[in-house]
Full PDB file with SEQRES, HELIX, SHEET, SSBOND, CRYST1, ORIGX, SCALE, CONECT and MASTER records, all heavy atoms in Angstrom:
SEQRES   1 A   39  SER GLY GLY GLY LEU VAL GLN ALA GLY GLY SER LEU ARG          
SEQRES   2 A   39  LEU SER CYS ALA ALA SER GLY ARG THR SER GLY THR TYR          
SEQRES   3 A   39  PRO MET GLY TRP PHE ARG GLN ALA PRO GLY THR GLY ARG          
CRYST1    1.000    1.000    1.000  90.00  90.00  90.00 P 1           1          
ORIGX1      1.000000  0.000000  0.000000        0.00000                         
ORIGX2      0.000000  1.000000  0.000000        0.00000                         
ORIGX3      0.000000  0.000000  1.000000        0.00000                         
SCALE1      1.000000  0.000000  0.000000        0.00000                         
SCALE2      0.000000  1.000000  0.000000        0.00000                         
SCALE3      0.000000  0.000000  1.000000        0.00000                         
ATOM      1  N   SER A   1       6.122   1.223   1.920  1.00  0.00           N  
ATOM      2  CA  SER A   1       7.399   0.850   1.318  1.00  0.00           C  
ATOM      3  C   SER A   1       7.196  -0.422   0.514  1.00  0.00           C  
ATOM      4  O   SER A   1       6.191  -1.126   0.688  1.00  0.00           O  
ATOM      5  CB  SER A   1       8.468   0.631   2.395  1.00  0.00           C  
ATOM      6  OG  SER A   1       8.078  -0.413   3.273  1.00  0.00           O  
ATOM      7  N   GLY A   2       8.154  -0.701  -0.378  1.00  0.00           N  
ATOM      8  CA  GLY A   2       8.142  -1.963  -1.098  1.00  0.00           C  
ATOM      9  C   GLY A   2       7.699  -1.902  -2.542  1.00  0.00           C  
ATOM     10  O   GLY A   2       7.694  -2.922  -3.226  1.00  0.00           O  
ATOM     11  N   GLY A   3       7.315  -0.738  -3.024  1.00  0.00           N  
ATOM     12  CA  GLY A   3       6.926  -0.650  -4.425  1.00  0.00           C  
ATOM     13  C   GLY A   3       8.127  -0.790  -5.348  1.00  0.00           C  
ATOM     14  O   GLY A   3       9.272  -0.845  -4.911  1.00  0.00           O  
ATOM     15  N   GLY A   4       7.847  -0.867  -6.646  1.00  0.00           N  
ATOM     16  CA  GLY A   4       8.932  -0.970  -7.601  1.00  0.00           C  
ATOM     17  C   GLY A   4       8.461  -1.485  -8.939  1.00  0.00           C  
ATOM     18  O   GLY A   4       7.263  -1.493  -9.239  1.00  0.00           O  
ATOM     19  N   LEU A   5       9.425  -1.921  -9.731  1.00  0.00           N  
ATOM     20  CA  LEU A   5       9.180  -2.429 -11.079  1.00  0.00           C  
ATOM     21  C   LEU A   5       9.371  -3.940 -11.074  1.00  0.00           C  
ATOM     22  O   LEU A   5      10.375  -4.443 -10.556  1.00  0.00           O  
ATOM     23  CB  LEU A   5      10.146  -1.771 -12.062  1.00  0.00           C  
ATOM     24  CG  LEU A   5      10.159  -2.300 -13.493  1.00  0.00           C  
ATOM     25  CD1 LEU A   5       8.819  -2.018 -14.170  1.00  0.00           C  
ATOM     26  CD2 LEU A   5      11.309  -1.665 -14.275  1.00  0.00           C  
ATOM     27  N   VAL A   6       8.413  -4.645 -11.652  1.00  0.00           N  
ATOM     28  CA  VAL A   6       8.485  -6.099 -11.695  1.00  0.00           C  
ATOM     29  C   VAL A   6       7.890  -6.576 -13.014  1.00  0.00           C  
ATOM     30  O   VAL A   6       7.025  -5.903 -13.591  1.00  0.00           O  
ATOM     31  CB  VAL A   6       7.745  -6.716 -10.485  1.00  0.00           C  
ATOM     32  CG1 VAL A   6       6.253  -6.420 -10.543  1.00  0.00           C  
ATOM     33  CG2 VAL A   6       8.002  -8.200 -10.372  1.00  0.00           C  
ATOM     34  N   GLN A   7       8.345  -7.714 -13.482  1.00  0.00           N  
ATOM     35  CA  GLN A   7       7.788  -8.290 -14.703  1.00  0.00           C  
ATOM     36  C   GLN A   7       6.464  -8.992 -14.408  1.00  0.00           C  
ATOM     37  O   GLN A   7       6.227  -9.448 -13.274  1.00  0.00           O  
ATOM     38  CB  GLN A   7       8.763  -9.282 -15.323  1.00  0.00           C  
ATOM     39  CG  GLN A   7       9.987  -8.636 -15.951  1.00  0.00           C  
ATOM     40  CD  GLN A   7      10.832  -9.621 -16.731  1.00  0.00           C  
ATOM     41  OE1 GLN A   7      10.891 -10.798 -16.395  1.00  0.00           O  
ATOM     42  NE2 GLN A   7      11.480  -9.145 -17.783  1.00  0.00           N  
ATOM     43  N   ALA A   8       5.641  -9.104 -15.419  1.00  0.00           N  
ATOM     44  CA  ALA A   8       4.373  -9.813 -15.275  1.00  0.00           C  
ATOM     45  C   ALA A   8       4.619 -11.227 -14.753  1.00  0.00           C  
ATOM     46  O   ALA A   8       5.559 -11.901 -15.179  1.00  0.00           O  
ATOM     47  CB  ALA A   8       3.647  -9.855 -16.608  1.00  0.00           C  
ATOM     48  N   GLY A   9       3.773 -11.637 -13.811  1.00  0.00           N  
ATOM     49  CA  GLY A   9       3.940 -12.933 -13.175  1.00  0.00           C  
ATOM     50  C   GLY A   9       4.777 -12.892 -11.915  1.00  0.00           C  
ATOM     51  O   GLY A   9       4.814 -13.878 -11.160  1.00  0.00           O  
ATOM     52  N   GLY A  10       5.437 -11.781 -11.679  1.00  0.00           N  
ATOM     53  CA  GLY A  10       6.292 -11.658 -10.509  1.00  0.00           C  
ATOM     54  C   GLY A  10       5.532 -11.273  -9.257  1.00  0.00           C  
ATOM     55  O   GLY A  10       4.294 -11.194  -9.247  1.00  0.00           O  
ATOM     56  N   SER A  11       6.294 -11.008  -8.194  1.00  0.00           N  
ATOM     57  CA  SER A  11       5.713 -10.705  -6.887  1.00  0.00           C  
ATOM     58  C   SER A  11       6.362  -9.477  -6.281  1.00  0.00           C  
ATOM     59  O   SER A  11       7.527  -9.176  -6.558  1.00  0.00           O  
ATOM     60  CB  SER A  11       5.910 -11.883  -5.930  1.00  0.00           C  
ATOM     61  OG  SER A  11       5.288 -13.053  -6.402  1.00  0.00           O  
ATOM     62  N   LEU A  12       5.591  -8.791  -5.455  1.00  0.00           N  
ATOM     63  CA  LEU A  12       6.086  -7.699  -4.638  1.00  0.00           C  
ATOM     64  C   LEU A  12       5.376  -7.756  -3.293  1.00  0.00           C  
ATOM     65  O   LEU A  12       4.242  -8.242  -3.203  1.00  0.00           O  
ATOM     66  CB  LEU A  12       5.808  -6.334  -5.284  1.00  0.00           C  
ATOM     67  CG  LEU A  12       6.706  -5.859  -6.416  1.00  0.00           C  
ATOM     68  CD1 LEU A  12       6.158  -4.550  -6.988  1.00  0.00           C  
ATOM     69  CD2 LEU A  12       8.140  -5.667  -5.947  1.00  0.00           C  
ATOM     70  N   ARG A  13       6.027  -7.209  -2.282  1.00  0.00           N  
ATOM     71  CA  ARG A  13       5.418  -7.122  -0.956  1.00  0.00           C  
ATOM     72  C   ARG A  13       5.471  -5.673  -0.502  1.00  0.00           C  
ATOM     73  O   ARG A  13       6.557  -5.107  -0.378  1.00  0.00           O  
ATOM     74  CB  ARG A  13       6.156  -8.024   0.030  1.00  0.00           C  
ATOM     75  CG  ARG A  13       5.633  -7.984   1.461  1.00  0.00           C  
ATOM     76  CD  ARG A  13       6.420  -8.962   2.312  1.00  0.00           C  
ATOM     77  NE  ARG A  13       6.216  -8.834   3.729  1.00  0.00           N  
ATOM     78  CZ  ARG A  13       5.282  -9.460   4.419  1.00  0.00           C  
ATOM     79  NH1 ARG A  13       4.427 -10.250   3.803  1.00  0.00           N  
ATOM     80  NH2 ARG A  13       5.181  -9.308   5.732  1.00  0.00           N  
ATOM     81  N   LEU A  14       4.313  -5.103  -0.275  1.00  0.00           N  
ATOM     82  CA  LEU A  14       4.218  -3.744   0.236  1.00  0.00           C  
ATOM     83  C   LEU A  14       4.033  -3.780   1.747  1.00  0.00           C  
ATOM     84  O   LEU A  14       3.400  -4.697   2.280  1.00  0.00           O  
ATOM     85  CB  LEU A  14       3.037  -3.008  -0.394  1.00  0.00           C  
ATOM     86  CG  LEU A  14       2.985  -2.958  -1.922  1.00  0.00           C  
ATOM     87  CD1 LEU A  14       1.768  -2.131  -2.367  1.00  0.00           C  
ATOM     88  CD2 LEU A  14       4.250  -2.403  -2.506  1.00  0.00           C  
ATOM     89  N   SER A  15       4.583  -2.787   2.400  1.00  0.00           N  
ATOM     90  CA  SER A  15       4.406  -2.651   3.850  1.00  0.00           C  
ATOM     91  C   SER A  15       3.960  -1.240   4.172  1.00  0.00           C  
ATOM     92  O   SER A  15       4.252  -0.293   3.431  1.00  0.00           O  
ATOM     93  CB  SER A  15       5.707  -2.973   4.581  1.00  0.00           C  
ATOM     94  OG  SER A  15       6.062  -4.331   4.418  1.00  0.00           O  
ATOM     95  N   CYS A  16       3.273  -1.127   5.288  1.00  0.00           N  
ATOM     96  CA  CYS A  16       2.760   0.171   5.737  1.00  0.00           C  
ATOM     97  C   CYS A  16       2.888   0.225   7.250  1.00  0.00           C  
ATOM     98  O   CYS A  16       2.394  -0.675   7.939  1.00  0.00           O  
ATOM     99  CB  CYS A  16       1.309   0.329   5.318  1.00  0.00           C  
ATOM    100  SG  CYS A  16       0.477   1.777   6.007  1.00  0.00           S  
ATOM    101  N   ALA A  17       3.516   1.276   7.741  1.00  0.00           N  
ATOM    102  CA  ALA A  17       3.684   1.430   9.186  1.00  0.00           C  
ATOM    103  C   ALA A  17       3.085   2.758   9.629  1.00  0.00           C  
ATOM    104  O   ALA A  17       3.321   3.791   9.003  1.00  0.00           O  
ATOM    105  CB  ALA A  17       5.164   1.374   9.544  1.00  0.00           C  
ATOM    106  N   ALA A  18       2.340   2.701  10.714  1.00  0.00           N  
ATOM    107  CA  ALA A  18       1.741   3.900  11.283  1.00  0.00           C  
ATOM    108  C   ALA A  18       2.607   4.422  12.422  1.00  0.00           C  
ATOM    109  O   ALA A  18       3.200   3.645  13.170  1.00  0.00           O  
ATOM    110  CB  ALA A  18       0.335   3.605  11.793  1.00  0.00           C  
ATOM    111  N   SER A  19       2.665   5.723  12.519  1.00  0.00           N  
ATOM    112  CA  SER A  19       3.378   6.345  13.635  1.00  0.00           C  
ATOM    113  C   SER A  19       2.614   7.585  14.065  1.00  0.00           C  
ATOM    114  O   SER A  19       1.677   8.018  13.394  1.00  0.00           O  
ATOM    115  CB  SER A  19       4.806   6.712  13.232  1.00  0.00           C  
ATOM    116  OG  SER A  19       4.790   7.651  12.169  1.00  0.00           O  
ATOM    117  N   GLY A  20       3.011   8.145  15.194  1.00  0.00           N  
ATOM    118  CA  GLY A  20       2.344   9.338  15.690  1.00  0.00           C  
ATOM    119  C   GLY A  20       1.368   9.010  16.796  1.00  0.00           C  
ATOM    120  O   GLY A  20       1.500   8.016  17.498  1.00  0.00           O  
ATOM    121  N   ARG A  21       0.337   9.823  16.923  1.00  0.00           N  
ATOM    122  CA  ARG A  21      -0.588   9.722  18.042  1.00  0.00           C  
ATOM    123  C   ARG A  21      -1.706   8.729  17.739  1.00  0.00           C  
ATOM    124  O   ARG A  21      -2.871   9.100  17.619  1.00  0.00           O  
ATOM    125  CB  ARG A  21      -1.158  11.107  18.359  1.00  0.00           C  
ATOM    126  CG  ARG A  21      -0.087  12.113  18.762  1.00  0.00           C  
ATOM    127  CD  ARG A  21      -0.671  13.494  18.947  1.00  0.00           C  
ATOM    128  NE  ARG A  21      -1.611  13.557  20.052  1.00  0.00           N  
ATOM    129  CZ  ARG A  21      -1.249  13.768  21.313  1.00  0.00           C  
ATOM    130  NH1 ARG A  21       0.036  13.922  21.623  1.00  0.00           N  
ATOM    131  NH2 ARG A  21      -2.155  13.827  22.263  1.00  0.00           N  
ATOM    132  N   THR A  22      -1.323   7.449  17.648  1.00  0.00           N  
ATOM    133  CA  THR A  22      -2.338   6.423  17.413  1.00  0.00           C  
ATOM    134  C   THR A  22      -3.127   6.197  18.696  1.00  0.00           C  
ATOM    135  O   THR A  22      -2.588   6.290  19.800  1.00  0.00           O  
ATOM    136  CB  THR A  22      -1.707   5.112  16.947  1.00  0.00           C  
ATOM    137  OG1 THR A  22      -0.785   4.673  17.950  1.00  0.00           O  
ATOM    138  CG2 THR A  22      -0.967   5.288  15.635  1.00  0.00           C  
ATOM    139  N   SER A  23      -4.415   5.902  18.548  1.00  0.00           N  
ATOM    140  CA  SER A  23      -5.291   5.737  19.715  1.00  0.00           C  
ATOM    141  C   SER A  23      -5.745   4.303  19.881  1.00  0.00           C  
ATOM    142  O   SER A  23      -6.755   4.038  20.515  1.00  0.00           O  
ATOM    143  CB  SER A  23      -6.512   6.650  19.571  1.00  0.00           C  
ATOM    144  OG  SER A  23      -7.245   6.333  18.400  1.00  0.00           O  
ATOM    145  N   GLY A  24      -5.013   3.370  19.310  1.00  0.00           N  
ATOM    146  CA  GLY A  24      -5.380   1.964  19.417  1.00  0.00           C  
ATOM    147  C   GLY A  24      -4.974   1.249  18.153  1.00  0.00           C  
ATOM    148  O   GLY A  24      -4.100   1.701  17.412  1.00  0.00           O  
ATOM    149  N   THR A  25      -5.620   0.120  17.934  1.00  0.00           N  
ATOM    150  CA  THR A  25      -5.345  -0.659  16.724  1.00  0.00           C  
ATOM    151  C   THR A  25      -6.433  -0.379  15.707  1.00  0.00           C  
ATOM    152  O   THR A  25      -7.627  -0.497  16.016  1.00  0.00           O  
ATOM    153  CB  THR A  25      -5.300  -2.159  17.056  1.00  0.00           C  
ATOM    154  OG1 THR A  25      -4.352  -2.370  18.107  1.00  0.00           O  
ATOM    155  CG2 THR A  25      -4.876  -2.950  15.835  1.00  0.00           C  
ATOM    156  N   TYR A  26      -6.041  -0.032  14.498  1.00  0.00           N  
ATOM    157  CA  TYR A  26      -6.987   0.414  13.482  1.00  0.00           C  
ATOM    158  C   TYR A  26      -7.264  -0.651  12.436  1.00  0.00           C  
ATOM    159  O   TYR A  26      -6.349  -1.401  12.067  1.00  0.00           O  
ATOM    160  CB  TYR A  26      -6.430   1.629  12.746  1.00  0.00           C  
ATOM    161  CG  TYR A  26      -6.106   2.822  13.604  1.00  0.00           C  
ATOM    162  CD1 TYR A  26      -4.937   3.531  13.395  1.00  0.00           C  
ATOM    163  CD2 TYR A  26      -6.972   3.262  14.593  1.00  0.00           C  
ATOM    164  CE1 TYR A  26      -4.631   4.646  14.147  1.00  0.00           C  
ATOM    165  CE2 TYR A  26      -6.672   4.371  15.353  1.00  0.00           C  
ATOM    166  CZ  TYR A  26      -5.502   5.064  15.132  1.00  0.00           C  
ATOM    167  OH  TYR A  26      -5.203   6.171  15.883  1.00  0.00           O  
ATOM    168  N   PRO A  27      -8.477  -0.711  11.900  1.00  0.00           N  
ATOM    169  CA  PRO A  27      -8.658  -1.421  10.635  1.00  0.00           C  
ATOM    170  C   PRO A  27      -7.788  -0.750   9.575  1.00  0.00           C  
ATOM    171  O   PRO A  27      -7.668   0.481   9.552  1.00  0.00           O  
ATOM    172  CB  PRO A  27     -10.141  -1.225  10.319  1.00  0.00           C  
ATOM    173  CG  PRO A  27     -10.776  -0.872  11.617  1.00  0.00           C  
ATOM    174  CD  PRO A  27      -9.734  -0.138  12.393  1.00  0.00           C  
ATOM    175  N   MET A  28      -7.185  -1.553   8.721  1.00  0.00           N  
ATOM    176  CA  MET A  28      -6.298  -0.987   7.708  1.00  0.00           C  
ATOM    177  C   MET A  28      -6.660  -1.532   6.332  1.00  0.00           C  
ATOM    178  O   MET A  28      -7.322  -2.575   6.220  1.00  0.00           O  
ATOM    179  CB  MET A  28      -4.830  -1.291   8.045  1.00  0.00           C  
ATOM    180  CG  MET A  28      -4.412  -0.701   9.392  1.00  0.00           C  
ATOM    181  SD  MET A  28      -2.669  -0.915   9.763  1.00  0.00           S  
ATOM    182  CE  MET A  28      -1.929   0.287   8.654  1.00  0.00           C  
ATOM    183  N   GLY A  29      -6.235  -0.821   5.323  1.00  0.00           N  
ATOM    184  CA  GLY A  29      -6.560  -1.250   3.980  1.00  0.00           C  
ATOM    185  C   GLY A  29      -5.565  -0.735   2.963  1.00  0.00           C  
ATOM    186  O   GLY A  29      -4.721   0.116   3.272  1.00  0.00           O  
ATOM    187  N   TRP A  30      -5.676  -1.269   1.764  1.00  0.00           N  
ATOM    188  CA  TRP A  30      -4.870  -0.834   0.623  1.00  0.00           C  
ATOM    189  C   TRP A  30      -5.806  -0.453  -0.515  1.00  0.00           C  
ATOM    190  O   TRP A  30      -6.779  -1.164  -0.811  1.00  0.00           O  
ATOM    191  CB  TRP A  30      -3.943  -1.956   0.159  1.00  0.00           C  
ATOM    192  CG  TRP A  30      -2.824  -2.249   1.098  1.00  0.00           C  
ATOM    193  CD1 TRP A  30      -2.796  -3.184   2.092  1.00  0.00           C  
ATOM    194  CD2 TRP A  30      -1.552  -1.609   1.133  1.00  0.00           C  
ATOM    195  NE1 TRP A  30      -1.593  -3.167   2.748  1.00  0.00           N  
ATOM    196  CE2 TRP A  30      -0.798  -2.203   2.174  1.00  0.00           C  
ATOM    197  CE3 TRP A  30      -0.948  -0.593   0.396  1.00  0.00           C  
ATOM    198  CZ2 TRP A  30       0.495  -1.814   2.486  1.00  0.00           C  
ATOM    199  CZ3 TRP A  30       0.342  -0.208   0.698  1.00  0.00           C  
ATOM    200  CH2 TRP A  30       1.047  -0.814   1.740  1.00  0.00           C  
ATOM    201  N   PHE A  31      -5.475   0.648  -1.146  1.00  0.00           N  
ATOM    202  CA  PHE A  31      -6.170   1.106  -2.338  1.00  0.00           C  
ATOM    203  C   PHE A  31      -5.125   1.341  -3.420  1.00  0.00           C  
ATOM    204  O   PHE A  31      -3.926   1.403  -3.133  1.00  0.00           O  
ATOM    205  CB  PHE A  31      -6.918   2.416  -2.057  1.00  0.00           C  
ATOM    206  CG  PHE A  31      -8.123   2.248  -1.170  1.00  0.00           C  
ATOM    207  CD1 PHE A  31      -7.991   2.040   0.186  1.00  0.00           C  
ATOM    208  CD2 PHE A  31      -9.398   2.301  -1.706  1.00  0.00           C  
ATOM    209  CE1 PHE A  31      -9.096   1.883   1.005  1.00  0.00           C  
ATOM    210  CE2 PHE A  31     -10.523   2.153  -0.900  1.00  0.00           C  
ATOM    211  CZ  PHE A  31     -10.358   1.938   0.461  1.00  0.00           C  
ATOM    212  N   ARG A  32      -5.591   1.481  -4.646  1.00  0.00           N  
ATOM    213  CA  ARG A  32      -4.669   1.819  -5.726  1.00  0.00           C  
ATOM    214  C   ARG A  32      -5.353   2.752  -6.695  1.00  0.00           C  
ATOM    215  O   ARG A  32      -6.590   2.799  -6.794  1.00  0.00           O  
ATOM    216  CB  ARG A  32      -4.174   0.561  -6.444  1.00  0.00           C  
ATOM    217  CG  ARG A  32      -5.238  -0.191  -7.220  1.00  0.00           C  
ATOM    218  CD  ARG A  32      -4.664  -1.491  -7.767  1.00  0.00           C  
ATOM    219  NE  ARG A  32      -5.642  -2.231  -8.575  1.00  0.00           N  
ATOM    220  CZ  ARG A  32      -5.432  -3.447  -9.071  1.00  0.00           C  
ATOM    221  NH1 ARG A  32      -4.273  -4.072  -8.830  1.00  0.00           N  
ATOM    222  NH2 ARG A  32      -6.367  -4.033  -9.786  1.00  0.00           N  
ATOM    223  N   GLN A  33      -4.519   3.506  -7.402  1.00  0.00           N  
ATOM    224  CA  GLN A  33      -5.046   4.447  -8.385  1.00  0.00           C  
ATOM    225  C   GLN A  33      -4.108   4.492  -9.574  1.00  0.00           C  
ATOM    226  O   GLN A  33      -2.933   4.827  -9.436  1.00  0.00           O  
ATOM    227  CB  GLN A  33      -5.207   5.838  -7.778  1.00  0.00           C  
ATOM    228  CG  GLN A  33      -5.919   6.820  -8.669  1.00  0.00           C  
ATOM    229  CD  GLN A  33      -6.376   8.063  -7.928  1.00  0.00           C  
ATOM    230  OE1 GLN A  33      -5.946   8.327  -6.801  1.00  0.00           O  
ATOM    231  NE2 GLN A  33      -7.273   8.829  -8.536  1.00  0.00           N  
ATOM    232  N   ALA A  34      -4.639   4.138 -10.723  1.00  0.00           N  
ATOM    233  CA  ALA A  34      -3.900   4.220 -11.972  1.00  0.00           C  
ATOM    234  C   ALA A  34      -4.205   5.565 -12.622  1.00  0.00           C  
ATOM    235  O   ALA A  34      -5.245   6.176 -12.340  1.00  0.00           O  
ATOM    236  CB  ALA A  34      -4.294   3.074 -12.891  1.00  0.00           C  
ATOM    237  N   PRO A  35      -3.338   6.033 -13.508  1.00  0.00           N  
ATOM    238  CA  PRO A  35      -3.580   7.329 -14.164  1.00  0.00           C  
ATOM    239  C   PRO A  35      -4.930   7.379 -14.858  1.00  0.00           C  
ATOM    240  O   PRO A  35      -5.314   6.446 -15.570  1.00  0.00           O  
ATOM    241  CB  PRO A  35      -2.430   7.421 -15.172  1.00  0.00           C  
ATOM    242  CG  PRO A  35      -1.352   6.585 -14.588  1.00  0.00           C  
ATOM    243  CD  PRO A  35      -2.052   5.450 -13.894  1.00  0.00           C  
ATOM    244  N   GLY A  36      -5.678   8.430 -14.617  1.00  0.00           N  
ATOM    245  CA  GLY A  36      -6.965   8.615 -15.267  1.00  0.00           C  
ATOM    246  C   GLY A  36      -8.108   7.809 -14.691  1.00  0.00           C  
ATOM    247  O   GLY A  36      -9.209   7.790 -15.259  1.00  0.00           O  
ATOM    248  N   THR A  37      -7.862   7.141 -13.562  1.00  0.00           N  
ATOM    249  CA  THR A  37      -8.925   6.335 -12.947  1.00  0.00           C  
ATOM    250  C   THR A  37      -9.144   6.789 -11.506  1.00  0.00           C  
ATOM    251  O   THR A  37      -8.354   7.539 -10.936  1.00  0.00           O  
ATOM    252  CB  THR A  37      -8.568   4.844 -12.949  1.00  0.00           C  
ATOM    253  OG1 THR A  37      -7.477   4.603 -12.048  1.00  0.00           O  
ATOM    254  CG2 THR A  37      -8.169   4.383 -14.349  1.00  0.00           C  
ATOM    255  N   GLY A  38     -10.221   6.292 -10.916  1.00  0.00           N  
ATOM    256  CA  GLY A  38     -10.493   6.590  -9.518  1.00  0.00           C  
ATOM    257  C   GLY A  38      -9.737   5.652  -8.594  1.00  0.00           C  
ATOM    258  O   GLY A  38      -9.093   4.703  -9.034  1.00  0.00           O  
ATOM    259  N   ARG A  39      -9.822   5.951  -7.311  1.00  0.00           N  
ATOM    260  CA  ARG A  39      -9.143   5.123  -6.316  1.00  0.00           C  
ATOM    261  C   ARG A  39      -9.929   3.826  -6.128  1.00  0.00           C  
ATOM    262  O   ARG A  39     -11.125   3.842  -5.848  1.00  0.00           O  
ATOM    263  CB  ARG A  39      -9.014   5.893  -5.004  1.00  0.00           C  
ATOM    264  CG  ARG A  39      -8.045   5.281  -4.034  1.00  0.00           C  
ATOM    265  CD  ARG A  39      -7.596   6.260  -2.982  1.00  0.00           C  
ATOM    266  NE  ARG A  39      -6.762   7.326  -3.526  1.00  0.00           N  
ATOM    267  CZ  ARG A  39      -6.073   8.162  -2.768  1.00  0.00           C  
ATOM    268  NH1 ARG A  39      -6.146   8.087  -1.441  1.00  0.00           N  
ATOM    269  NH2 ARG A  39      -5.333   9.104  -3.332  1.00  0.00           N  
TER     270      ARG A  39                                                      
MASTER        0    0    0    0    0    0    0    6  269    1    0    3          
END                                                                             
């Protein structure tokens, strides 16, 4: 959650919550993918 439209120089805060059959605490990460590029 937390994505959106912002002007250059601005800020955003993304959040990610896990649910379901978690088996402990996981290493977590963020990736991004722009059109026509890799992750």
